[in-house]
Amino acid sequence: MVIPCLNEAATIAKVVTSVRNVLPESRIYVYDNGSSDHTCDLAASAGAIVRHEQRRGKGRALKKAFGEISADIFITIDGDDTYDVGVLPEMIRRLQHDHLEMVVGDRLQDKSSHTRAGHYFGNRLFSRMISTLFDMQVEDPFSGLRVMSSRFVKSFPSVASGFEVETELTVHAFDLGAPFTEMPVDYRLRPEDSHSKLNTFRDGSKILFKLIWLYQLKKPLQFYGYASLFLLLLSLVTFAIPLSEFIMTGAVKHFPTLIVSMGGFVLTLLTFAIGVISENINSHSREIKRFIFRTTERN
């Protein structure tokens, strides 16, 4: 059990105790992300193993945890006591019985549990985007409650520093062709003296740029194909001006427009060529990653 947290003194002891009651044999690690309150002391008193990642960001804390810990099954959960840990035994059973690589707790089944409408609709919007862009069915891509196999975690090349890490985990499943599922989980409000670290617009924009970056990285032919199509349309529109002049008068007066349109056609070809080359490289590397992943022994 990995619990990344920052200033969660109000809830961390309860989370650790709740997990211990449900999974008494588990090792519980709290990765403190530079807390200025008594989070570390309270976590240790509750029986957790406390480790530190001074660089701020949930992604950095999880990356360090995944690199340091050896286990058969990894579970991540937030330290804010918003998830019902009673579902964990069933999530573990699903992971093992159905030979899955990841089981995600879906918080969005009950809209009434989300008082921040921006978060709810943002989650829904991004889930539709991810499902469409990566041809996978995702309902809650930003859930902090995940049960994962060891080989899935150890093959995860995270570069995210903050809340984008959940997006990376979801897209990593697509990249490996790893089977996963989502299970409904009860989600409750934070206590009054506990405050969310998530900023709707700041972190939402980071996640959006991360998603675009992952799309061009994992599906370069589609990404650059759409970009080249856009450039082609702009070039055709621009080229229509000198072309119509030449047809009507036999001369071209707007030479700068003609030059810009020709440059647009060249950029179109270059962009499409980048997409084709990147797709070939990406397909080859993906097959290698999937082969290594399939041949890695599952614990």
C-alpha atoms as a PDB file:
ATOM      1  CA  MET A   1       0.000   0.000   0.000  1.00  0.00           C
ATOM      2  CA  VAL A   2       1.472   3.318  -1.116  1.00  0.00           C
ATOM      3  CA  ILE A   3      -0.052   6.528   0.244  1.00  0.00           C
ATOM      4  CA  PRO A   4       1.463   9.711  -1.202  1.00  0.00           C
ATOM      5  CA  CYS A   5       0.480  12.703   0.897  1.00  0.00           C
ATOM      6  CA  LEU A   6       1.140  16.330   1.698  1.00  0.00           C
ATOM      7  CA  ASN A   7      -0.151  17.905   4.913  1.00  0.00           C
ATOM      8  CA  GLU A   8      -2.787  15.260   5.657  1.00  0.00           C
ATOM      9  CA  ALA A   9      -2.494  15.280   9.452  1.00  0.00           C
ATOM     10  CA  ALA A  10      -6.279  15.429   9.788  1.00  0.00           C
ATOM     11  CA  THR A  11      -6.840  12.106   8.010  1.00  0.00           C
ATOM     12  CA  ILE A  12      -3.666  10.059   7.519  1.00  0.00           C
ATOM     13  CA  ALA A  13      -3.907   8.076  10.765  1.00  0.00           C
ATOM     14  CA  LYS A  14      -7.474   7.064   9.966  1.00  0.00           C
ATOM     15  CA  VAL A  15      -6.510   5.974   6.445  1.00  0.00           C
ATOM     16  CA  VAL A  16      -3.611   3.855   7.702  1.00  0.00           C
ATOM     17  CA  THR A  17      -5.748   2.277  10.421  1.00  0.00           C
ATOM     18  CA  SER A  18      -8.605   1.569   8.011  1.00  0.00           C
ATOM     19  CA  VAL A  19      -6.274  -0.114   5.545  1.00  0.00           C
ATOM     20  CA  ARG A  20      -4.692  -2.163   8.334  1.00  0.00           C
ATOM     21  CA  ASN A  21      -8.128  -3.375   9.446  1.00  0.00           C
ATOM     22  CA  VAL A  22      -9.055  -4.450   5.923  1.00  0.00           C
ATOM     23  CA  LEU A  23      -5.649  -5.786   4.830  1.00  0.00           C
ATOM     24  CA  PRO A  24      -3.851  -6.780   8.056  1.00  0.00           C
ATOM     25  CA  GLU A  25      -0.936  -8.468   6.237  1.00  0.00           C
ATOM     26  CA  SER A  26      -0.138  -5.547   3.955  1.00  0.00           C
ATOM     27  CA  ARG A  27       2.890  -3.298   4.189  1.00  0.00           C
ATOM     28  CA  ILE A  28       1.724   0.315   4.318  1.00  0.00           C
ATOM     29  CA  TYR A  29       4.080   3.010   3.054  1.00  0.00           C
ATOM     30  CA  VAL A  30       3.373   6.697   3.482  1.00  0.00           C
ATOM     31  CA  TYR A  31       5.437   8.796   1.087  1.00  0.00           C
ATOM     32  CA  ASP A  32       5.490  12.247   2.570  1.00  0.00           C
ATOM     33  CA  ASN A  33       5.863  15.015   0.014  1.00  0.00           C
ATOM     34  CA  GLY A  34       7.299  17.716   2.239  1.00  0.00           C
ATOM     35  CA  SER A  35       4.546  18.122   4.835  1.00  0.00           C
ATOM     36  CA  SER A  36       4.812  21.003   7.293  1.00  0.00           C
ATOM     37  CA  ASP A  37       2.343  19.513   9.793  1.00  0.00           C
ATOM     38  CA  HIS A  38       2.427  16.294  11.858  1.00  0.00           C
ATOM     39  CA  THR A  39       1.543  13.945   8.971  1.00  0.00           C
ATOM     40  CA  CYS A  40       4.730  11.876   9.327  1.00  0.00           C
ATOM     41  CA  ASP A  41       4.454  11.415  13.089  1.00  0.00           C
ATOM     42  CA  LEU A  42       0.794  10.446  12.928  1.00  0.00           C
ATOM     43  CA  ALA A  43       1.384   8.008  10.064  1.00  0.00           C
ATOM     44  CA  ALA A  44       4.246   6.336  11.918  1.00  0.00           C
ATOM     45  CA  SER A  45       2.199   6.121  15.124  1.00  0.00           C
ATOM     46  CA  ALA A  46      -0.580   4.399  13.185  1.00  0.00           C
ATOM     47  CA  GLY A  47       1.877   1.748  11.984  1.00  0.00           C
ATOM     48  CA  ALA A  48       2.923   2.973   8.538  1.00  0.00           C
ATOM     49  CA  ILE A  49       6.446   2.952   7.130  1.00  0.00           C
ATOM     50  CA  VAL A  50       7.202   6.610   6.437  1.00  0.00           C
ATOM     51  CA  ARG A  51       9.502   7.642   3.605  1.00  0.00           C
ATOM     52  CA  HIS A  52      10.145  11.025   2.062  1.00  0.00           C
ATOM     53  CA  GLU A  53      10.178  12.704  -1.340  1.00  0.00           C
ATOM     54  CA  GLN A  54      11.075  16.340  -0.842  1.00  0.00           C
ATOM     55  CA  ARG A  55      10.381  17.356  -4.426  1.00  0.00           C
ATOM     56  CA  ARG A  56       6.751  18.399  -4.509  1.00  0.00           C
ATOM     57  CA  GLY A  57       4.355  16.486  -6.726  1.00  0.00           C
ATOM     58  CA  LYS A  58       2.275  13.334  -6.420  1.00  0.00           C
ATOM     59  CA  GLY A  59       3.889  11.898  -9.541  1.00  0.00           C
ATOM     60  CA  ARG A  60       7.375  12.218  -8.058  1.00  0.00           C
ATOM     61  CA  ALA A  61       6.277  10.574  -4.812  1.00  0.00           C
ATOM     62  CA  LEU A  62       4.745   7.599  -6.616  1.00  0.00           C
ATOM     63  CA  LYS A  63       7.709   7.255  -8.961  1.00  0.00           C
ATOM     64  CA  LYS A  64      10.072   7.024  -5.997  1.00  0.00           C
ATOM     65  CA  ALA A  65       7.801   4.511  -4.250  1.00  0.00           C
ATOM     66  CA  PHE A  66       7.519   2.297  -7.333  1.00  0.00           C
ATOM     67  CA  GLY A  67      11.295   2.297  -7.701  1.00  0.00           C
ATOM     68  CA  GLU A  68      12.083   1.500  -4.067  1.00  0.00           C
ATOM     69  CA  ILE A  69       9.436  -1.049  -3.074  1.00  0.00           C
ATOM     70  CA  SER A  70       9.239  -4.706  -4.062  1.00  0.00           C
ATOM     71  CA  ALA A  71       5.851  -6.402  -3.763  1.00  0.00           C
ATOM     72  CA  ASP A  72       3.528  -8.829  -5.523  1.00  0.00           C
ATOM     73  CA  ILE A  73       0.652  -6.342  -5.623  1.00  0.00           C
ATOM     74  CA  PHE A  74       0.792  -2.560  -5.396  1.00  0.00           C
ATOM     75  CA  ILE A  75      -2.105  -0.460  -4.126  1.00  0.00           C
ATOM     76  CA  THR A  76      -2.204   3.331  -4.277  1.00  0.00           C
ATOM     77  CA  ILE A  77      -4.659   5.473  -2.354  1.00  0.00           C
ATOM     78  CA  ASP A  78      -4.836   9.127  -1.393  1.00  0.00           C
ATOM     79  CA  GLY A  79      -4.287  10.116   2.228  1.00  0.00           C
ATOM     80  CA  ASP A  80      -7.401  12.305   2.471  1.00  0.00           C
ATOM     81  CA  ASP A  81      -9.827   9.576   3.648  1.00  0.00           C
ATOM     82  CA  THR A  82     -12.189  10.059   0.706  1.00  0.00           C
ATOM     83  CA  TYR A  83     -12.132   6.454  -0.549  1.00  0.00           C
ATOM     84  CA  ASP A  84     -13.925   3.522   1.064  1.00  0.00           C
ATOM     85  CA  VAL A  85     -11.145   0.980   1.639  1.00  0.00           C
ATOM     86  CA  GLY A  86     -13.679  -1.788   2.228  1.00  0.00           C
ATOM     87  CA  VAL A  87     -13.648  -2.481  -1.515  1.00  0.00           C
ATOM     88  CA  LEU A  88      -9.934  -3.361  -1.539  1.00  0.00           C
ATOM     89  CA  PRO A  89     -10.250  -7.149  -0.937  1.00  0.00           C
ATOM     90  CA  GLU A  90     -12.673  -7.421  -3.862  1.00  0.00           C
ATOM     91  CA  MET A  91     -10.384  -5.325  -6.083  1.00  0.00           C
ATOM     92  CA  ILE A  92      -7.462  -7.626  -5.246  1.00  0.00           C
ATOM     93  CA  ARG A  93      -9.613 -10.684  -5.931  1.00  0.00           C
ATOM     94  CA  ARG A  94     -10.600  -9.277  -9.343  1.00  0.00           C
ATOM     95  CA  LEU A  95      -6.970  -8.542 -10.184  1.00  0.00           C
ATOM     96  CA  GLN A  96      -5.922 -12.108  -9.434  1.00  0.00           C
ATOM     97  CA  HIS A  97      -8.980 -14.079 -10.541  1.00  0.00           C
ATOM     98  CA  ASP A  98      -9.449 -12.254 -13.850  1.00  0.00           C
ATOM     99  CA  HIS A  99      -5.690 -12.055 -14.574  1.00  0.00           C
ATOM    100  CA  LEU A 100      -5.755  -8.283 -14.807  1.00  0.00           C
ATOM    101  CA  GLU A 101      -2.882  -5.840 -14.498  1.00  0.00           C
ATOM    102  CA  MET A 102      -4.812  -2.971 -12.907  1.00  0.00           C
ATOM    103  CA  VAL A 103      -8.126  -2.419 -11.147  1.00  0.00           C
ATOM    104  CA  VAL A 104      -9.233   1.200 -10.750  1.00  0.00           C
ATOM    105  CA  GLY A 105     -11.729   2.522  -8.218  1.00  0.00           C
ATOM    106  CA  ASP A 106     -14.438   4.427 -10.107  1.00  0.00           C
ATOM    107  CA  ARG A 107     -15.646   7.382  -7.995  1.00  0.00           C
ATOM    108  CA  LEU A 108     -17.948   8.876 -10.624  1.00  0.00           C
ATOM    109  CA  GLN A 109     -20.859   6.440 -10.350  1.00  0.00           C
ATOM    110  CA  ASP A 110     -22.511   8.760  -7.835  1.00  0.00           C
ATOM    111  CA  LYS A 111     -22.479  12.385  -8.988  1.00  0.00           C
ATOM    112  CA  SER A 112     -23.904  13.581  -5.659  1.00  0.00           C
ATOM    113  CA  SER A 113     -20.650  12.708  -3.874  1.00  0.00           C
ATOM    114  CA  HIS A 114     -18.846  15.492  -5.765  1.00  0.00           C
ATOM    115  CA  THR A 115     -19.577  18.960  -4.510  1.00  0.00           C
ATOM    116  CA  ARG A 116     -17.057  20.586  -6.855  1.00  0.00           C
ATOM    117  CA  ALA A 117     -18.910  20.512 -10.168  1.00  0.00           C
ATOM    118  CA  GLY A 118     -15.779  21.556 -12.052  1.00  0.00           C
ATOM    119  CA  HIS A 119     -13.948  18.447 -10.907  1.00  0.00           C
ATOM    120  CA  TYR A 120     -16.824  16.140 -11.806  1.00  0.00           C
ATOM    121  CA  PHE A 121     -17.436  17.486 -15.292  1.00  0.00           C
ATOM    122  CA  GLY A 122     -13.688  17.829 -15.888  1.00  0.00           C
ATOM    123  CA  ASN A 123     -13.262  14.149 -15.056  1.00  0.00           C
ATOM    124  CA  ARG A 124     -16.101  13.234 -17.366  1.00  0.00           C
ATOM    125  CA  LEU A 125     -14.682  15.348 -20.201  1.00  0.00           C
ATOM    126  CA  PHE A 126     -11.191  13.908 -19.878  1.00  0.00           C
ATOM    127  CA  SER A 127     -12.526  10.362 -19.603  1.00  0.00           C
ATOM    128  CA  ARG A 128     -14.328  10.796 -22.934  1.00  0.00           C
ATOM    129  CA  MET A 129     -11.193  12.285 -24.494  1.00  0.00           C
ATOM    130  CA  ILE A 130      -8.971   9.444 -23.300  1.00  0.00           C
ATOM    131  CA  SER A 131     -11.507   6.816 -24.374  1.00  0.00           C
ATOM    132  CA  THR A 132     -11.698   8.351 -27.862  1.00  0.00           C
ATOM    133  CA  LEU A 133      -8.021   9.115 -28.410  1.00  0.00           C
ATOM    134  CA  PHE A 134      -6.713   5.762 -27.170  1.00  0.00           C
ATOM    135  CA  ASP A 135      -9.590   3.435 -28.113  1.00  0.00           C
ATOM    136  CA  MET A 136     -10.189   2.291 -24.558  1.00  0.00           C
ATOM    137  CA  GLN A 137     -13.169   2.525 -22.222  1.00  0.00           C
ATOM    138  CA  VAL A 138     -12.320   4.697 -19.223  1.00  0.00           C
ATOM    139  CA  GLU A 139     -14.776   6.143 -16.700  1.00  0.00           C
ATOM    140  CA  ASP A 140     -12.517   7.627 -14.003  1.00  0.00           C
ATOM    141  CA  PRO A 141      -8.996   8.201 -15.360  1.00  0.00           C
ATOM    142  CA  PHE A 142      -7.898  10.299 -12.361  1.00  0.00           C
ATOM    143  CA  SER A 143      -8.862   7.943  -9.567  1.00  0.00           C
ATOM    144  CA  GLY A 144      -6.250   7.732  -6.820  1.00  0.00           C
ATOM    145  CA  LEU A 145      -7.365   4.231  -5.780  1.00  0.00           C
ATOM    146  CA  ARG A 146      -5.643   1.589  -7.907  1.00  0.00           C
ATOM    147  CA  VAL A 147      -4.646  -2.043  -7.419  1.00  0.00           C
ATOM    148  CA  MET A 148      -1.844  -3.068  -9.783  1.00  0.00           C
ATOM    149  CA  SER A 149       0.353  -6.043 -10.530  1.00  0.00           C
ATOM    150  CA  SER A 150       4.053  -5.848  -9.821  1.00  0.00           C
ATOM    151  CA  ARG A 151       5.110  -6.191 -13.446  1.00  0.00           C
ATOM    152  CA  PHE A 152       2.738  -3.394 -14.483  1.00  0.00           C
ATOM    153  CA  VAL A 153       4.176  -1.040 -11.863  1.00  0.00           C
ATOM    154  CA  LYS A 154       7.803  -1.943 -12.551  1.00  0.00           C
ATOM    155  CA  SER A 155       7.343  -1.336 -16.291  1.00  0.00           C
ATOM    156  CA  PHE A 156       5.835   2.125 -15.697  1.00  0.00           C
ATOM    157  CA  PRO A 157       8.184   4.849 -17.043  1.00  0.00           C
ATOM    158  CA  SER A 158       6.611   7.825 -15.292  1.00  0.00           C
ATOM    159  CA  VAL A 159       7.769  11.338 -16.141  1.00  0.00           C
ATOM    160  CA  ALA A 160       4.846  13.122 -14.492  1.00  0.00           C
ATOM    161  CA  SER A 161       5.550  15.341 -11.520  1.00  0.00           C
ATOM    162  CA  GLY A 162       2.021  16.026 -10.285  1.00  0.00           C
ATOM    163  CA  PHE A 163      -1.562  14.851 -10.645  1.00  0.00           C
ATOM    164  CA  GLU A 164      -0.934  13.892 -14.291  1.00  0.00           C
ATOM    165  CA  VAL A 165       0.491  10.598 -13.029  1.00  0.00           C
ATOM    166  CA  GLU A 166      -2.950   8.945 -13.080  1.00  0.00           C
ATOM    167  CA  THR A 167      -3.297   9.858 -16.760  1.00  0.00           C
ATOM    168  CA  GLU A 168       0.084   8.268 -17.434  1.00  0.00           C
ATOM    169  CA  LEU A 169      -0.922   5.076 -15.607  1.00  0.00           C
ATOM    170  CA  THR A 170      -4.089   4.807 -17.679  1.00  0.00           C
ATOM    171  CA  VAL A 171      -2.301   5.390 -20.989  1.00  0.00           C
ATOM    172  CA  HIS A 172       0.454   2.972 -19.904  1.00  0.00           C
ATOM    173  CA  ALA A 173      -2.184   0.226 -19.857  1.00  0.00           C
ATOM    174  CA  PHE A 174      -3.043   1.116 -23.470  1.00  0.00           C
ATOM    175  CA  ASP A 175       0.607   1.142 -24.494  1.00  0.00           C
ATOM    176  CA  LEU A 176       1.231  -2.346 -23.094  1.00  0.00           C
ATOM    177  CA  GLY A 177      -2.114  -3.763 -24.141  1.00  0.00           C
ATOM    178  CA  ALA A 178      -2.529  -4.638 -20.468  1.00  0.00           C
ATOM    179  CA  PRO A 179      -6.013  -5.752 -19.358  1.00  0.00           C
ATOM    180  CA  PHE A 180      -7.615  -3.611 -16.661  1.00  0.00           C
ATOM    181  CA  THR A 181     -11.043  -2.814 -15.313  1.00  0.00           C
ATOM    182  CA  GLU A 182     -12.825  -0.273 -13.131  1.00  0.00           C
ATOM    183  CA  MET A 183     -14.947  -0.991 -10.071  1.00  0.00           C
ATOM    184  CA  PRO A 184     -17.418   1.363  -8.373  1.00  0.00           C
ATOM    185  CA  VAL A 185     -16.124   2.710  -5.068  1.00  0.00           C
ATOM    186  CA  ASP A 186     -17.845   4.906  -2.516  1.00  0.00           C
ATOM    187  CA  TYR A 187     -16.359   8.376  -2.413  1.00  0.00           C
ATOM    188  CA  ARG A 188     -16.931  10.763   0.473  1.00  0.00           C
ATOM    189  CA  LEU A 189     -16.128  14.376   1.209  1.00  0.00           C
ATOM    190  CA  ARG A 190     -12.972  15.514   2.946  1.00  0.00           C
ATOM    191  CA  PRO A 191     -13.261  16.517   6.602  1.00  0.00           C
ATOM    192  CA  GLU A 192     -13.763  20.244   7.172  1.00  0.00           C
ATOM    193  CA  ASP A 193     -10.175  20.731   8.394  1.00  0.00           C
ATOM    194  CA  SER A 194      -8.705  18.943   5.357  1.00  0.00           C
ATOM    195  CA  HIS A 195      -8.045  20.803   2.109  1.00  0.00           C
ATOM    196  CA  SER A 196      -7.554  19.559  -1.435  1.00  0.00           C
ATOM    197  CA  LYS A 197      -4.221  20.254  -3.170  1.00  0.00           C
ATOM    198  CA  LEU A 198      -5.843  20.034  -6.608  1.00  0.00           C
ATOM    199  CA  ASN A 199      -6.404  23.316  -8.452  1.00  0.00           C
ATOM    200  CA  THR A 200      -9.126  22.890 -11.068  1.00  0.00           C
ATOM    201  CA  PHE A 201      -7.697  25.158 -13.769  1.00  0.00           C
ATOM    202  CA  ARG A 202      -3.954  24.913 -13.095  1.00  0.00           C
ATOM    203  CA  ASP A 203      -3.847  21.138 -12.743  1.00  0.00           C
ATOM    204  CA  GLY A 204      -6.526  20.704 -15.401  1.00  0.00           C
ATOM    205  CA  SER A 205      -4.348  22.554 -17.929  1.00  0.00           C
ATOM    206  CA  LYS A 206      -1.337  20.415 -16.970  1.00  0.00           C
ATOM    207  CA  ILE A 207      -3.364  17.264 -17.494  1.00  0.00           C
ATOM    208  CA  LEU A 208      -4.618  18.535 -20.863  1.00  0.00           C
ATOM    209  CA  PHE A 209      -1.088  19.242 -22.119  1.00  0.00           C
ATOM    210  CA  LYS A 210       0.073  15.890 -20.759  1.00  0.00           C
ATOM    211  CA  LEU A 211      -2.756  14.168 -22.622  1.00  0.00           C
ATOM    212  CA  ILE A 212      -1.860  15.921 -25.892  1.00  0.00           C
ATOM    213  CA  TRP A 213       1.805  15.024 -25.387  1.00  0.00           C
ATOM    214  CA  LEU A 214       0.929  11.379 -24.740  1.00  0.00           C
ATOM    215  CA  TYR A 215      -1.322  11.308 -27.805  1.00  0.00           C
ATOM    216  CA  GLN A 216       1.449  12.491 -30.138  1.00  0.00           C
ATOM    217  CA  LEU A 217       3.858  10.096 -28.433  1.00  0.00           C
ATOM    218  CA  LYS A 218       1.668   6.993 -28.492  1.00  0.00           C
ATOM    219  CA  LYS A 219      -0.300   7.672 -31.717  1.00  0.00           C
ATOM    220  CA  PRO A 220       1.987   9.857 -33.841  1.00  0.00           C
ATOM    221  CA  LEU A 221       0.465   8.981 -37.213  1.00  0.00           C
ATOM    222  CA  GLN A 222      -2.973  10.134 -36.136  1.00  0.00           C
ATOM    223  CA  PHE A 223      -1.646  13.237 -34.363  1.00  0.00           C
ATOM    224  CA  TYR A 224       0.574  14.408 -37.204  1.00  0.00           C
ATOM    225  CA  GLY A 225      -1.953  13.225 -39.762  1.00  0.00           C
ATOM    226  CA  TYR A 226      -4.586  15.572 -38.345  1.00  0.00           C
ATOM    227  CA  ALA A 227      -1.979  18.357 -38.118  1.00  0.00           C
ATOM    228  CA  SER A 228      -0.971  17.878 -41.764  1.00  0.00           C
ATOM    229  CA  LEU A 229      -4.624  17.854 -42.826  1.00  0.00           C
ATOM    230  CA  PHE A 230      -5.147  21.167 -41.025  1.00  0.00           C
ATOM    231  CA  LEU A 231      -2.076  22.650 -42.730  1.00  0.00           C
ATOM    232  CA  LEU A 232      -3.271  21.352 -46.089  1.00  0.00           C
ATOM    233  CA  LEU A 233      -6.651  23.032 -45.707  1.00  0.00           C
ATOM    234  CA  LEU A 234      -4.999  26.330 -44.734  1.00  0.00           C
ATOM    235  CA  SER A 235      -2.644  26.067 -47.689  1.00  0.00           C
ATOM    236  CA  LEU A 236      -5.485  25.385 -50.098  1.00  0.00           C
ATOM    237  CA  VAL A 237      -7.458  28.354 -48.807  1.00  0.00           C
ATOM    238  CA  THR A 238      -4.388  30.595 -49.109  1.00  0.00           C
ATOM    239  CA  PHE A 239      -3.522  29.225 -52.555  1.00  0.00           C
ATOM    240  CA  ALA A 240      -7.044  29.920 -53.808  1.00  0.00           C
ATOM    241  CA  ILE A 241      -6.358  33.704 -53.823  1.00  0.00           C
ATOM    242  CA  PRO A 242      -3.421  33.769 -56.310  1.00  0.00           C
ATOM    243  CA  LEU A 243      -4.955  30.915 -58.285  1.00  0.00           C
ATOM    244  CA  SER A 244      -8.223  32.804 -58.843  1.00  0.00           C
ATOM    245  CA  GLU A 245      -6.206  35.916 -59.813  1.00  0.00           C
ATOM    246  CA  PHE A 246      -4.228  33.951 -62.390  1.00  0.00           C
ATOM    247  CA  ILE A 247      -7.367  32.379 -63.881  1.00  0.00           C
ATOM    248  CA  MET A 248      -9.154  35.715 -64.151  1.00  0.00           C
ATOM    249  CA  THR A 249      -6.280  38.033 -65.199  1.00  0.00           C
ATOM    250  CA  GLY A 250      -3.444  35.773 -66.318  1.00  0.00           C
ATOM    251  CA  ALA A 251      -1.188  37.355 -63.675  1.00  0.00           C
ATOM    252  CA  VAL A 252      -0.469  36.956 -59.977  1.00  0.00           C
ATOM    253  CA  LYS A 253      -0.361  40.141 -57.901  1.00  0.00           C
ATOM    254  CA  HIS A 254      -0.230  38.597 -54.419  1.00  0.00           C
ATOM    255  CA  PHE A 255       3.171  36.884 -54.591  1.00  0.00           C
ATOM    256  CA  PRO A 256       3.597  36.831 -50.767  1.00  0.00           C
ATOM    257  CA  THR A 257       0.328  34.908 -50.488  1.00  0.00           C
ATOM    258  CA  LEU A 258       1.534  32.460 -53.132  1.00  0.00           C
ATOM    259  CA  ILE A 259       4.825  31.963 -51.290  1.00  0.00           C
ATOM    260  CA  VAL A 260       3.021  31.387 -47.983  1.00  0.00           C
ATOM    261  CA  SER A 261       0.714  28.816 -49.574  1.00  0.00           C
ATOM    262  CA  MET A 262       3.684  26.969 -51.129  1.00  0.00           C
ATOM    263  CA  GLY A 263       5.397  26.975 -47.760  1.00  0.00           C
ATOM    264  CA  GLY A 264       2.214  25.534 -46.255  1.00  0.00           C
ATOM    265  CA  PHE A 265       2.250  22.659 -48.760  1.00  0.00           C
ATOM    266  CA  VAL A 266       5.872  21.898 -47.871  1.00  0.00           C
ATOM    267  CA  LEU A 267       5.039  21.929 -44.138  1.00  0.00           C
ATOM    268  CA  THR A 268       2.111  19.612 -44.842  1.00  0.00           C
ATOM    269  CA  LEU A 269       4.395  17.049 -46.468  1.00  0.00           C
ATOM    270  CA  LEU A 270       7.011  17.370 -43.736  1.00  0.00           C
ATOM    271  CA  THR A 271       4.452  17.002 -40.955  1.00  0.00           C
ATOM    272  CA  PHE A 272       2.945  13.903 -42.532  1.00  0.00           C
ATOM    273  CA  ALA A 273       6.422  12.427 -43.061  1.00  0.00           C
ATOM    274  CA  ILE A 274       7.229  13.012 -39.371  1.00  0.00           C
ATOM    275  CA  GLY A 275       4.039  11.151 -38.472  1.00  0.00           C
ATOM    276  CA  VAL A 276       4.862   8.177 -40.698  1.00  0.00           C
ATOM    277  CA  ILE A 277       8.448   7.887 -39.441  1.00  0.00           C
ATOM    278  CA  SER A 278       7.405   8.319 -35.795  1.00  0.00           C
ATOM    279  CA  GLU A 279       4.653   5.714 -36.188  1.00  0.00           C
ATOM    280  CA  ASN A 280       7.106   3.160 -37.555  1.00  0.00           C
ATOM    281  CA  ILE A 281       9.548   3.777 -34.706  1.00  0.00           C
ATOM    282  CA  ASN A 282       6.763   3.773 -32.107  1.00  0.00           C
ATOM    283  CA  SER A 283       5.174   0.570 -33.429  1.00  0.00           C
ATOM    284  CA  HIS A 284       8.507  -1.223 -33.289  1.00  0.00           C
ATOM    285  CA  SER A 285       9.312  -0.060 -29.747  1.00  0.00           C
ATOM    286  CA  ARG A 286       5.753  -0.847 -28.559  1.00  0.00           C
ATOM    287  CA  GLU A 287       5.992  -4.413 -29.817  1.00  0.00           C
ATOM    288  CA  ILE A 288       9.293  -4.830 -27.990  1.00  0.00           C
ATOM    289  CA  LYS A 289       7.780  -3.439 -24.768  1.00  0.00           C
ATOM    290  CA  ARG A 290       4.720  -5.661 -25.086  1.00  0.00           C
ATOM    291  CA  PHE A 291       6.865  -8.731 -25.774  1.00  0.00           C
ATOM    292  CA  ILE A 292       9.027  -8.044 -22.708  1.00  0.00           C
ATOM    293  CA  PHE A 293       5.913  -7.391 -20.632  1.00  0.00           C
ATOM    294  CA  ARG A 294       4.213 -10.624 -21.749  1.00  0.00           C
ATOM    295  CA  THR A 295       7.292 -12.697 -21.039  1.00  0.00           C
ATOM    296  CA  THR A 296       7.833 -11.167 -17.588  1.00  0.00           C
ATOM    297  CA  GLU A 297       6.679 -13.593 -14.904  1.00  0.00           C
ATOM    298  CA  ARG A 298       3.487 -12.506 -13.170  1.00  0.00           C
ATOM    299  CA  ASN A 299       3.617 -12.758  -9.365  1.00  0.00           C
END
